[in-house]
């Protein structure tokens, strides 16, 4: 299920408390997921009784940025038990840029 992942759009997990905001859009047709299930636009009603799938229960930390090869970048605004993913693959944590040396 492809979502309209525009910069500034907010997404919530259907299976836990995770919430993210899109910082940079990726390519068209991407599916943002959490806990192995597609994420919902903020304000959508969550289905009841579901939880993160076993391999997708690694957790997401608040304040961390995640980046996909397509250029999609999201910021976690609320932590949860599910792992973020895109199109069935884990969404990796964005690498920090090294600070310049102060010789």
PDB file of N, CA and C in Angstrom:
ATOM      1  N   UNK A   1       0.842  -1.184   0.000  1.00  0.00           N
ATOM      2  CA  UNK A   1       0.000   0.000   0.000  1.00  0.00           C
ATOM      3  C   UNK A   1       0.884   1.244   0.000  1.00  0.00           C
ATOM      4  N   UNK A   2       0.887   1.992  -1.067  1.00  0.00           N
ATOM      5  CA  UNK A   2       1.695   3.205  -1.165  1.00  0.00           C
ATOM      6  C   UNK A   2       0.999   4.350  -0.432  1.00  0.00           C
ATOM      7  N   UNK A   3       1.802   5.167   0.227  1.00  0.00           N
ATOM      8  CA  UNK A   3       1.285   6.312   0.971  1.00  0.00           C
ATOM      9  C   UNK A   3       1.826   7.590   0.352  1.00  0.00           C
ATOM     10  N   UNK A   4       1.172   8.701   0.624  1.00  0.00           N
ATOM     11  CA  UNK A   4       1.622   9.999   0.146  1.00  0.00           C
ATOM     12  C   UNK A   4       2.558  10.590   1.202  1.00  0.00           C
ATOM     13  N   UNK A   5       3.840  10.258   1.111  1.00  0.00           N
ATOM     14  CA  UNK A   5       4.823  10.635   2.125  1.00  0.00           C
ATOM     15  C   UNK A   5       5.417  12.002   1.812  1.00  0.00           C
ATOM     16  N   UNK A   6       4.669  13.053   2.126  1.00  0.00           N
ATOM     17  CA  UNK A   6       5.106  14.429   1.878  1.00  0.00           C
ATOM     18  C   UNK A   6       5.874  14.957   3.087  1.00  0.00           C
ATOM     19  N   UNK A   7       6.822  15.882   2.874  1.00  0.00           N
ATOM     20  CA  UNK A   7       7.517  16.489   4.012  1.00  0.00           C
ATOM     21  C   UNK A   7       6.517  17.147   4.963  1.00  0.00           C
ATOM     22  N   UNK A   8       6.695  16.880   6.247  1.00  0.00           N
ATOM     23  CA  UNK A   8       5.805  17.435   7.261  1.00  0.00           C
ATOM     24  C   UNK A   8       4.620  16.567   7.590  1.00  0.00           C
ATOM     25  N   UNK A   9       4.361  15.535   6.786  1.00  0.00           N
ATOM     26  CA  UNK A   9       3.226  14.661   7.088  1.00  0.00           C
ATOM     27  C   UNK A   9       3.561  13.777   8.282  1.00  0.00           C
ATOM     28  N   UNK A  10       2.548  13.531   9.101  1.00  0.00           N
ATOM     29  CA  UNK A  10       2.723  12.737  10.320  1.00  0.00           C
ATOM     30  C   UNK A  10       2.062  11.370  10.144  1.00  0.00           C
ATOM     31  N   UNK A  11       2.747  10.345  10.681  1.00  0.00           N
ATOM     32  CA  UNK A  11       2.283   8.971  10.540  1.00  0.00           C
ATOM     33  C   UNK A  11       2.339   8.277  11.889  1.00  0.00           C
ATOM     34  N   UNK A  12       1.361   7.412  12.149  1.00  0.00           N
ATOM     35  CA  UNK A  12       1.294   6.672  13.402  1.00  0.00           C
ATOM     36  C   UNK A  12       1.262   5.176  13.097  1.00  0.00           C
ATOM     37  N   UNK A  13       1.822   4.417  14.020  1.00  0.00           N
ATOM     38  CA  UNK A  13       1.816   2.967  13.866  1.00  0.00           C
ATOM     39  C   UNK A  13       0.426   2.421  14.139  1.00  0.00           C
ATOM     40  N   UNK A  14       0.057   1.386  13.403  1.00  0.00           N
ATOM     41  CA  UNK A  14      -1.237   0.728  13.604  1.00  0.00           C
ATOM     42  C   UNK A  14      -1.185  -0.282  14.743  1.00  0.00           C
ATOM     43  N   UNK A  15       0.048  -0.610  15.228  1.00  0.00           N
ATOM     44  CA  UNK A  15       0.191  -1.696  16.200  1.00  0.00           C
ATOM     45  C   UNK A  15       0.879  -1.298  17.508  1.00  0.00           C
ATOM     46  N   UNK A  16       1.377  -0.068  17.624  1.00  0.00           N
ATOM     47  CA  UNK A  16       2.011   0.374  18.866  1.00  0.00           C
ATOM     48  C   UNK A  16       1.937   1.894  18.964  1.00  0.00           C
ATOM     49  N   UNK A  17       2.767   2.506  19.822  1.00  0.00           N
ATOM     50  CA  UNK A  17       2.706   3.946  20.065  1.00  0.00           C
ATOM     51  C   UNK A  17       3.603   4.776  19.154  1.00  0.00           C
ATOM     52  N   UNK A  18       4.362   4.165  18.259  1.00  0.00           N
ATOM     53  CA  UNK A  18       5.317   4.882  17.413  1.00  0.00           C
ATOM     54  C   UNK A  18       4.627   5.933  16.549  1.00  0.00           C
ATOM     55  N   UNK A  19       5.248   7.132  16.515  1.00  0.00           N
ATOM     56  CA  UNK A  19       4.794   8.212  15.643  1.00  0.00           C
ATOM     57  C   UNK A  19       6.017   8.821  14.972  1.00  0.00           C
ATOM     58  N   UNK A  20       5.885   9.164  13.681  1.00  0.00           N
ATOM     59  CA  UNK A  20       6.989   9.767  12.935  1.00  0.00           C
ATOM     60  C   UNK A  20       6.473  10.943  12.125  1.00  0.00           C
ATOM     61  N   UNK A  21       7.417  11.796  11.710  1.00  0.00           N
ATOM     62  CA  UNK A  21       7.127  12.881  10.788  1.00  0.00           C
ATOM     63  C   UNK A  21       8.095  12.745   9.622  1.00  0.00           C
ATOM     64  N   UNK A  22       7.610  12.944   8.404  1.00  0.00           N
ATOM     65  CA  UNK A  22       8.455  12.839   7.220  1.00  0.00           C
ATOM     66  C   UNK A  22       9.284  14.121   7.104  1.00  0.00           C
ATOM     67  N   UNK A  23      10.622  13.968   7.045  1.00  0.00           N
ATOM     68  CA  UNK A  23      11.529  15.096   6.897  1.00  0.00           C
ATOM     69  C   UNK A  23      11.816  15.341   5.419  1.00  0.00           C
ATOM     70  N   UNK A  24      12.123  14.260   4.691  1.00  0.00           N
ATOM     71  CA  UNK A  24      12.384  14.339   3.252  1.00  0.00           C
ATOM     72  C   UNK A  24      11.583  13.241   2.559  1.00  0.00           C
ATOM     73  N   UNK A  25      10.975  13.565   1.413  1.00  0.00           N
ATOM     74  CA  UNK A  25      10.204  12.547   0.702  1.00  0.00           C
ATOM     75  C   UNK A  25      11.130  11.577  -0.024  1.00  0.00           C
ATOM     76  N   UNK A  26      10.675  10.385  -0.218  1.00  0.00           N
ATOM     77  CA  UNK A  26      11.426   9.408  -1.005  1.00  0.00           C
ATOM     78  C   UNK A  26      10.815   9.290  -2.382  1.00  0.00           C
ATOM     79  N   UNK A  27      11.088   8.186  -3.029  1.00  0.00           N
ATOM     80  CA  UNK A  27      10.510   7.946  -4.342  1.00  0.00           C
ATOM     81  C   UNK A  27       9.024   7.649  -4.234  1.00  0.00           C
ATOM     82  N   UNK A  28       8.327   7.682  -5.358  1.00  0.00           N
ATOM     83  CA  UNK A  28       6.893   7.394  -5.350  1.00  0.00           C
ATOM     84  C   UNK A  28       6.618   5.914  -5.085  1.00  0.00           C
ATOM     85  N   UNK A  29       5.465   5.642  -4.500  1.00  0.00           N
ATOM     86  CA  UNK A  29       5.020   4.266  -4.315  1.00  0.00           C
ATOM     87  C   UNK A  29       5.607   3.537  -3.133  1.00  0.00           C
ATOM     88  N   UNK A  30       6.202   4.242  -2.171  1.00  0.00           N
ATOM     89  CA  UNK A  30       6.784   3.593  -1.000  1.00  0.00           C
ATOM     90  C   UNK A  30       5.715   3.307   0.047  1.00  0.00           C
ATOM     91  N   UNK A  31       5.930   2.258   0.825  1.00  0.00           N
ATOM     92  CA  UNK A  31       5.034   1.921   1.923  1.00  0.00           C
ATOM     93  C   UNK A  31       5.822   2.000   3.230  1.00  0.00           C
ATOM     94  N   UNK A  32       5.508   2.977   4.072  1.00  0.00           N
ATOM     95  CA  UNK A  32       6.140   3.147   5.376  1.00  0.00           C
ATOM     96  C   UNK A  32       5.444   2.221   6.358  1.00  0.00           C
ATOM     97  N   UNK A  33       6.234   1.440   7.091  1.00  0.00           N
ATOM     98  CA  UNK A  33       5.674   0.421   7.981  1.00  0.00           C
ATOM     99  C   UNK A  33       6.274   0.524   9.375  1.00  0.00           C
ATOM    100  N   UNK A  34       5.567  -0.027  10.341  1.00  0.00           N
ATOM    101  CA  UNK A  34       6.067  -0.136  11.706  1.00  0.00           C
ATOM    102  C   UNK A  34       5.516  -1.420  12.303  1.00  0.00           C
ATOM    103  N   UNK A  35       6.391  -2.212  12.897  1.00  0.00           N
ATOM    104  CA  UNK A  35       5.950  -3.469  13.481  1.00  0.00           C
ATOM    105  C   UNK A  35       5.483  -4.480  12.461  1.00  0.00           C
ATOM    106  N   UNK A  36       5.866  -4.293  11.189  1.00  0.00           N
ATOM    107  CA  UNK A  36       5.466  -5.210  10.129  1.00  0.00           C
ATOM    108  C   UNK A  36       4.127  -4.878   9.497  1.00  0.00           C
ATOM    109  N   UNK A  37       3.537  -3.722   9.856  1.00  0.00           N
ATOM    110  CA  UNK A  37       2.239  -3.308   9.327  1.00  0.00           C
ATOM    111  C   UNK A  37       2.348  -1.886   8.776  1.00  0.00           C
ATOM    112  N   UNK A  38       1.597  -1.552   7.723  1.00  0.00           N
ATOM    113  CA  UNK A  38       1.637  -0.193   7.174  1.00  0.00           C
ATOM    114  C   UNK A  38       1.249   0.847   8.226  1.00  0.00           C
ATOM    115  N   UNK A  39       1.940   1.995   8.191  1.00  0.00           N
ATOM    116  CA  UNK A  39       1.613   3.082   9.113  1.00  0.00           C
ATOM    117  C   UNK A  39       0.390   3.825   8.587  1.00  0.00           C
ATOM    118  N   UNK A  40      -0.295   4.512   9.489  1.00  0.00           N
ATOM    119  CA  UNK A  40      -1.514   5.245   9.178  1.00  0.00           C
ATOM    120  C   UNK A  40      -1.259   6.742   9.274  1.00  0.00           C
ATOM    121  N   UNK A  41      -1.967   7.521   8.481  1.00  0.00           N
ATOM    122  CA  UNK A  41      -1.876   8.972   8.592  1.00  0.00           C
ATOM    123  C   UNK A  41      -2.349   9.382   9.980  1.00  0.00           C
ATOM    124  N   UNK A  42      -1.682  10.382  10.568  1.00  0.00           N
ATOM    125  CA  UNK A  42      -2.059  10.859  11.899  1.00  0.00           C
ATOM    126  C   UNK A  42      -3.531  11.232  11.910  1.00  0.00           C
ATOM    127  N   UNK A  43      -4.207  10.865  12.979  1.00  0.00           N
ATOM    128  CA  UNK A  43      -5.637  11.141  13.094  1.00  0.00           C
ATOM    129  C   UNK A  43      -6.509   9.985  12.640  1.00  0.00           C
ATOM    130  N   UNK A  44      -5.912   8.984  11.988  1.00  0.00           N
ATOM    131  CA  UNK A  44      -6.677   7.813  11.556  1.00  0.00           C
ATOM    132  C   UNK A  44      -6.985   6.926  12.751  1.00  0.00           C
ATOM    133  N   UNK A  45      -8.077   6.203  12.667  1.00  0.00           N
ATOM    134  CA  UNK A  45      -8.447   5.278  13.728  1.00  0.00           C
ATOM    135  C   UNK A  45      -7.613   4.003  13.598  1.00  0.00           C
ATOM    136  N   UNK A  46      -7.024   3.574  14.717  1.00  0.00           N
ATOM    137  CA  UNK A  46      -6.198   2.364  14.725  1.00  0.00           C
ATOM    138  C   UNK A  46      -7.073   1.131  14.914  1.00  0.00           C
ATOM    139  N   UNK A  47      -6.728   0.029  14.213  1.00  0.00           N
ATOM    140  CA  UNK A  47      -7.441  -1.215  14.475  1.00  0.00           C
ATOM    141  C   UNK A  47      -7.025  -1.744  15.845  1.00  0.00           C
ATOM    142  N   UNK A  48      -7.895  -2.378  16.550  1.00  0.00           N
ATOM    143  CA  UNK A  48      -7.594  -2.858  17.897  1.00  0.00           C
ATOM    144  C   UNK A  48      -7.013  -4.259  17.909  1.00  0.00           C
ATOM    145  N   UNK A  49      -6.283  -4.564  18.987  1.00  0.00           N
ATOM    146  CA  UNK A  49      -5.821  -5.915  19.241  1.00  0.00           C
ATOM    147  C   UNK A  49      -4.565  -6.369  18.539  1.00  0.00           C
ATOM    148  N   UNK A  50      -4.014  -5.597  17.641  1.00  0.00           N
ATOM    149  CA  UNK A  50      -2.807  -6.029  16.927  1.00  0.00           C
ATOM    150  C   UNK A  50      -1.561  -5.558  17.662  1.00  0.00           C
ATOM    151  N   UNK A  51      -0.476  -6.285  17.464  1.00  0.00           N
ATOM    152  CA  UNK A  51       0.813  -5.918  18.025  1.00  0.00           C
ATOM    153  C   UNK A  51       1.884  -6.104  16.970  1.00  0.00           C
ATOM    154  N   UNK A  52       3.117  -5.642  17.253  1.00  0.00           N
ATOM    155  CA  UNK A  52       4.202  -5.803  16.283  1.00  0.00           C
ATOM    156  C   UNK A  52       4.492  -7.285  16.017  1.00  0.00           C
ATOM    157  N   UNK A  53       4.774  -7.625  14.759  1.00  0.00           N
ATOM    158  CA  UNK A  53       5.183  -8.981  14.414  1.00  0.00           C
ATOM    159  C   UNK A  53       6.517  -9.280  15.081  1.00  0.00           C
ATOM    160  N   UNK A  54       6.795 -10.565  15.355  1.00  0.00           N
ATOM    161  CA  UNK A  54       7.984 -10.984  16.091  1.00  0.00           C
ATOM    162  C   UNK A  54       9.295 -10.357  15.654  1.00  0.00           C
ATOM    163  N   UNK A  55       9.633 -10.429  14.371  1.00  0.00           N
ATOM    164  CA  UNK A  55      10.891  -9.877  13.880  1.00  0.00           C
ATOM    165  C   UNK A  55      10.871  -8.355  13.791  1.00  0.00           C
ATOM    166  N   UNK A  56       9.720  -7.758  13.958  1.00  0.00           N
ATOM    167  CA  UNK A  56       9.554  -6.304  13.818  1.00  0.00           C
ATOM    168  C   UNK A  56       9.281  -5.636  15.162  1.00  0.00           C
ATOM    169  N   UNK A  57       9.750  -6.250  16.252  1.00  0.00           N
ATOM    170  CA  UNK A  57       9.500  -5.706  17.591  1.00  0.00           C
ATOM    171  C   UNK A  57      10.785  -5.220  18.248  1.00  0.00           C
ATOM    172  N   UNK A  58      11.675  -4.592  17.476  1.00  0.00           N
ATOM    173  CA  UNK A  58      12.950  -4.114  18.009  1.00  0.00           C
ATOM    174  C   UNK A  58      12.871  -2.758  18.684  1.00  0.00           C
ATOM    175  N   UNK A  59      11.786  -2.033  18.481  1.00  0.00           N
ATOM    176  CA  UNK A  59      11.612  -0.733  19.103  1.00  0.00           C
ATOM    177  C   UNK A  59      12.141   0.412  18.262  1.00  0.00           C
ATOM    178  N   UNK A  60      11.578   1.582  18.482  1.00  0.00           N
ATOM    179  CA  UNK A  60      11.981   2.808  17.797  1.00  0.00           C
ATOM    180  C   UNK A  60      12.159   3.882  18.855  1.00  0.00           C
ATOM    181  N   UNK A  61      13.323   4.541  18.859  1.00  0.00           N
ATOM    182  CA  UNK A  61      13.641   5.550  19.869  1.00  0.00           C
ATOM    183  C   UNK A  61      13.244   6.939  19.414  1.00  0.00           C
ATOM    184  N   UNK A  62      12.711   7.722  20.342  1.00  0.00           N
ATOM    185  CA  UNK A  62      12.290   9.086  20.046  1.00  0.00           C
ATOM    186  C   UNK A  62      13.513   9.956  19.735  1.00  0.00           C
ATOM    187  N   UNK A  63      13.347  10.871  18.784  1.00  0.00           N
ATOM    188  CA  UNK A  63      14.414  11.799  18.423  1.00  0.00           C
ATOM    189  C   UNK A  63      15.407  11.272  17.407  1.00  0.00           C
ATOM    190  N   UNK A  64      15.269  10.038  16.989  1.00  0.00           N
ATOM    191  CA  UNK A  64      16.187   9.440  16.011  1.00  0.00           C
ATOM    192  C   UNK A  64      15.634   9.618  14.603  1.00  0.00           C
ATOM    193  N   UNK A  65      16.568   9.781  13.660  1.00  0.00           N
ATOM    194  CA  UNK A  65      16.199   9.894  12.245  1.00  0.00           C
ATOM    195  C   UNK A  65      16.531   8.588  11.541  1.00  0.00           C
ATOM    196  N   UNK A  66      15.670   8.229  10.613  1.00  0.00           N
ATOM    197  CA  UNK A  66      15.835   7.009   9.839  1.00  0.00           C
ATOM    198  C   UNK A  66      15.798   7.390   8.371  1.00  0.00           C
ATOM    199  N   UNK A  67      16.680   6.738   7.566  1.00  0.00           N
ATOM    200  CA  UNK A  67      16.827   7.125   6.163  1.00  0.00           C
ATOM    201  C   UNK A  67      16.811   5.901   5.256  1.00  0.00           C
ATOM    202  N   UNK A  68      16.074   6.018   4.155  1.00  0.00           N
ATOM    203  CA  UNK A  68      15.961   4.957   3.159  1.00  0.00           C
ATOM    204  C   UNK A  68      16.813   5.313   1.945  1.00  0.00           C
ATOM    205  N   UNK A  69      17.228   4.321   1.175  1.00  0.00           N
ATOM    206  CA  UNK A  69      18.040   4.539  -0.035  1.00  0.00           C
ATOM    207  C   UNK A  69      17.364   5.469  -1.041  1.00  0.00           C
ATOM    208  N   UNK A  70      16.059   5.525  -1.033  1.00  0.00           N
ATOM    209  CA  UNK A  70      15.316   6.368  -1.976  1.00  0.00           C
ATOM    210  C   UNK A  70      15.402   7.854  -1.623  1.00  0.00           C
ATOM    211  N   UNK A  71      15.921   8.162  -0.437  1.00  0.00           N
ATOM    212  CA  UNK A  71      15.984   9.542   0.026  1.00  0.00           C
ATOM    213  C   UNK A  71      14.968   9.847   1.108  1.00  0.00           C
ATOM    214  N   UNK A  72      14.032   8.931   1.353  1.00  0.00           N
ATOM    215  CA  UNK A  72      13.044   9.118   2.408  1.00  0.00           C
ATOM    216  C   UNK A  72      13.753   9.235   3.753  1.00  0.00           C
ATOM    217  N   UNK A  73      13.393  10.262   4.506  1.00  0.00           N
ATOM    218  CA  UNK A  73      13.942  10.442   5.850  1.00  0.00           C
ATOM    219  C   UNK A  73      12.787  10.763   6.793  1.00  0.00           C
ATOM    220  N   UNK A  74      12.718  10.038   7.912  1.00  0.00           N
ATOM    221  CA  UNK A  74      11.681  10.280   8.909  1.00  0.00           C
ATOM    222  C   UNK A  74      12.323  10.508  10.268  1.00  0.00           C
ATOM    223  N   UNK A  75      11.628  11.270  11.107  1.00  0.00           N
ATOM    224  CA  UNK A  75      12.053  11.562  12.471  1.00  0.00           C
ATOM    225  C   UNK A  75      11.028  10.957  13.412  1.00  0.00           C
ATOM    226  N   UNK A  76      11.489  10.169  14.374  1.00  0.00           N
ATOM    227  CA  UNK A  76      10.594   9.556  15.346  1.00  0.00           C
ATOM    228  C   UNK A  76      10.214  10.598  16.396  1.00  0.00           C
ATOM    229  N   UNK A  77       8.916  10.875  16.535  1.00  0.00           N
ATOM    230  CA  UNK A  77       8.437  11.867  17.497  1.00  0.00           C
ATOM    231  C   UNK A  77       7.818  11.233  18.732  1.00  0.00           C
ATOM    232  N   UNK A  78       7.555   9.922  18.680  1.00  0.00           N
ATOM    233  CA  UNK A  78       7.050   9.189  19.834  1.00  0.00           C
ATOM    234  C   UNK A  78       7.542   7.757  19.725  1.00  0.00           C
ATOM    235  N   UNK A  79       8.198   7.280  20.773  1.00  0.00           N
ATOM    236  CA  UNK A  79       8.790   5.941  20.774  1.00  0.00           C
ATOM    237  C   UNK A  79       7.719   4.861  20.842  1.00  0.00           C
ATOM    238  N   UNK A  80       8.092   3.679  20.351  1.00  0.00           N
ATOM    239  CA  UNK A  80       7.191   2.544  20.401  1.00  0.00           C
ATOM    240  C   UNK A  80       7.955   1.238  20.305  1.00  0.00           C
ATOM    241  N   UNK A  81       7.251   0.137  20.400  1.00  0.00           N
ATOM    242  CA  UNK A  81       7.861  -1.193  20.412  1.00  0.00           C
ATOM    243  C   UNK A  81       8.177  -1.730  19.025  1.00  0.00           C
ATOM    244  N   UNK A  82       7.574  -1.171  17.986  1.00  0.00           N
ATOM    245  CA  UNK A  82       7.763  -1.678  16.631  1.00  0.00           C
ATOM    246  C   UNK A  82       9.004  -1.115  15.958  1.00  0.00           C
ATOM    247  N   UNK A  83       9.521  -1.858  14.982  1.00  0.00           N
ATOM    248  CA  UNK A  83      10.653  -1.444  14.165  1.00  0.00           C
ATOM    249  C   UNK A  83      10.120  -0.811  12.882  1.00  0.00           C
ATOM    250  N   UNK A  84      10.721   0.312  12.470  1.00  0.00           N
ATOM    251  CA  UNK A  84      10.310   0.982  11.244  1.00  0.00           C
ATOM    252  C   UNK A  84      10.821   0.230  10.019  1.00  0.00           C
ATOM    253  N   UNK A  85      10.048   0.275   8.942  1.00  0.00           N
ATOM    254  CA  UNK A  85      10.442  -0.376   7.701  1.00  0.00           C
ATOM    255  C   UNK A  85       9.851   0.338   6.504  1.00  0.00           C
ATOM    256  N   UNK A  86      10.393   0.016   5.334  1.00  0.00           N
ATOM    257  CA  UNK A  86       9.867   0.514   4.062  1.00  0.00           C
ATOM    258  C   UNK A  86       9.801  -0.674   3.112  1.00  0.00           C
ATOM    259  N   UNK A  87       8.635  -0.919   2.574  1.00  0.00           N
ATOM    260  CA  UNK A  87       8.417  -2.003   1.617  1.00  0.00           C
ATOM    261  C   UNK A  87       8.962  -3.345   2.107  1.00  0.00           C
ATOM    262  N   UNK A  88       8.742  -3.657   3.376  1.00  0.00           N
ATOM    263  CA  UNK A  88       9.129  -4.951   3.923  1.00  0.00           C
ATOM    264  C   UNK A  88      10.568  -5.074   4.361  1.00  0.00           C
ATOM    265  N   UNK A  89      11.339  -3.992   4.308  1.00  0.00           N
ATOM    266  CA  UNK A  89      12.737  -4.021   4.749  1.00  0.00           C
ATOM    267  C   UNK A  89      12.937  -3.017   5.870  1.00  0.00           C
ATOM    268  N   UNK A  90      13.795  -3.368   6.828  1.00  0.00           N
ATOM    269  CA  UNK A  90      14.047  -2.500   7.976  1.00  0.00           C
ATOM    270  C   UNK A  90      14.590  -1.150   7.511  1.00  0.00           C
ATOM    271  N   UNK A  91      14.064  -0.075   8.087  1.00  0.00           N
ATOM    272  CA  UNK A  91      14.503   1.284   7.788  1.00  0.00           C
ATOM    273  C   UNK A  91      15.687   1.599   8.705  1.00  0.00           C
ATOM    274  N   UNK A  92      16.898   1.777   8.133  1.00  0.00           N
ATOM    275  CA  UNK A  92      18.087   1.959   8.978  1.00  0.00           C
ATOM    276  C   UNK A  92      18.160   3.348   9.614  1.00  0.00           C
ATOM    277  N   UNK A  93      18.811   3.382  10.768  1.00  0.00           N
ATOM    278  CA  UNK A  93      19.084   4.623  11.477  1.00  0.00           C
ATOM    279  C   UNK A  93      20.017   5.475  10.634  1.00  0.00           C
ATOM    280  N   UNK A  94      19.764   6.781  10.573  1.00  0.00           N
ATOM    281  CA  UNK A  94      20.603   7.679   9.780  1.00  0.00           C
ATOM    282  C   UNK A  94      21.956   7.840  10.475  1.00  0.00           C
ATOM    283  N   UNK A  95      23.017   7.753   9.690  1.00  0.00           N
ATOM    284  CA  UNK A  95      24.363   7.917  10.229  1.00  0.00           C
ATOM    285  C   UNK A  95      24.616   9.369  10.615  1.00  0.00           C
ATOM    286  N   UNK A  96      25.311   9.567  11.728  1.00  0.00           N
ATOM    287  CA  UNK A  96      25.676  10.925  12.152  1.00  0.00           C
ATOM    288  C   UNK A  96      26.837  11.425  11.324  1.00  0.00           C
ATOM    289  N   UNK A  97      26.845  12.726  11.071  1.00  0.00           N
ATOM    290  CA  UNK A  97      27.971  13.321  10.350  1.00  0.00           C
ATOM    291  C   UNK A  97      29.085  13.612  11.356  1.00  0.00           C
ATOM    292  N   UNK A  98      30.334  13.294  11.010  1.00  0.00           N
ATOM    293  CA  UNK A  98      31.428  13.590  11.937  1.00  0.00           C
ATOM    294  C   UNK A  98      31.642  15.091  12.067  1.00  0.00           C
ATOM    295  N   UNK A  99      31.961  15.514  13.268  1.00  0.00           N
ATOM    296  CA  UNK A  99      32.239  16.929  13.505  1.00  0.00           C
ATOM    297  C   UNK A  99      33.626  17.267  12.981  1.00  0.00           C
ATOM    298  N   UNK A 100      33.824  18.498  12.516  1.00  0.00           N
ATOM    299  CA  UNK A 100      35.158  18.869  12.040  1.00  0.00           C
ATOM    300  C   UNK A 100      36.130  18.931  13.209  1.00  0.00           C
ATOM    301  N   UNK A 101      37.390  18.647  12.900  1.00  0.00           N
ATOM    302  CA  UNK A 101      38.395  18.680  13.964  1.00  0.00           C
ATOM    303  C   UNK A 101      38.666  20.129  14.363  1.00  0.00           C
ATOM    304  N   UNK A 102      39.099  20.308  15.590  1.00  0.00           N
ATOM    305  CA  UNK A 102      39.356  21.663  16.105  1.00  0.00           C
ATOM    306  C   UNK A 102      40.826  21.821  16.458  1.00  0.00           C
ATOM    307  N   UNK A 103      41.672  21.595  15.456  1.00  0.00           N
ATOM    308  CA  UNK A 103      43.125  21.675  15.688  1.00  0.00           C
ATOM    309  C   UNK A 103      43.536  23.005  16.164  1.00  0.00           C
TER     310      UNK A 103
END
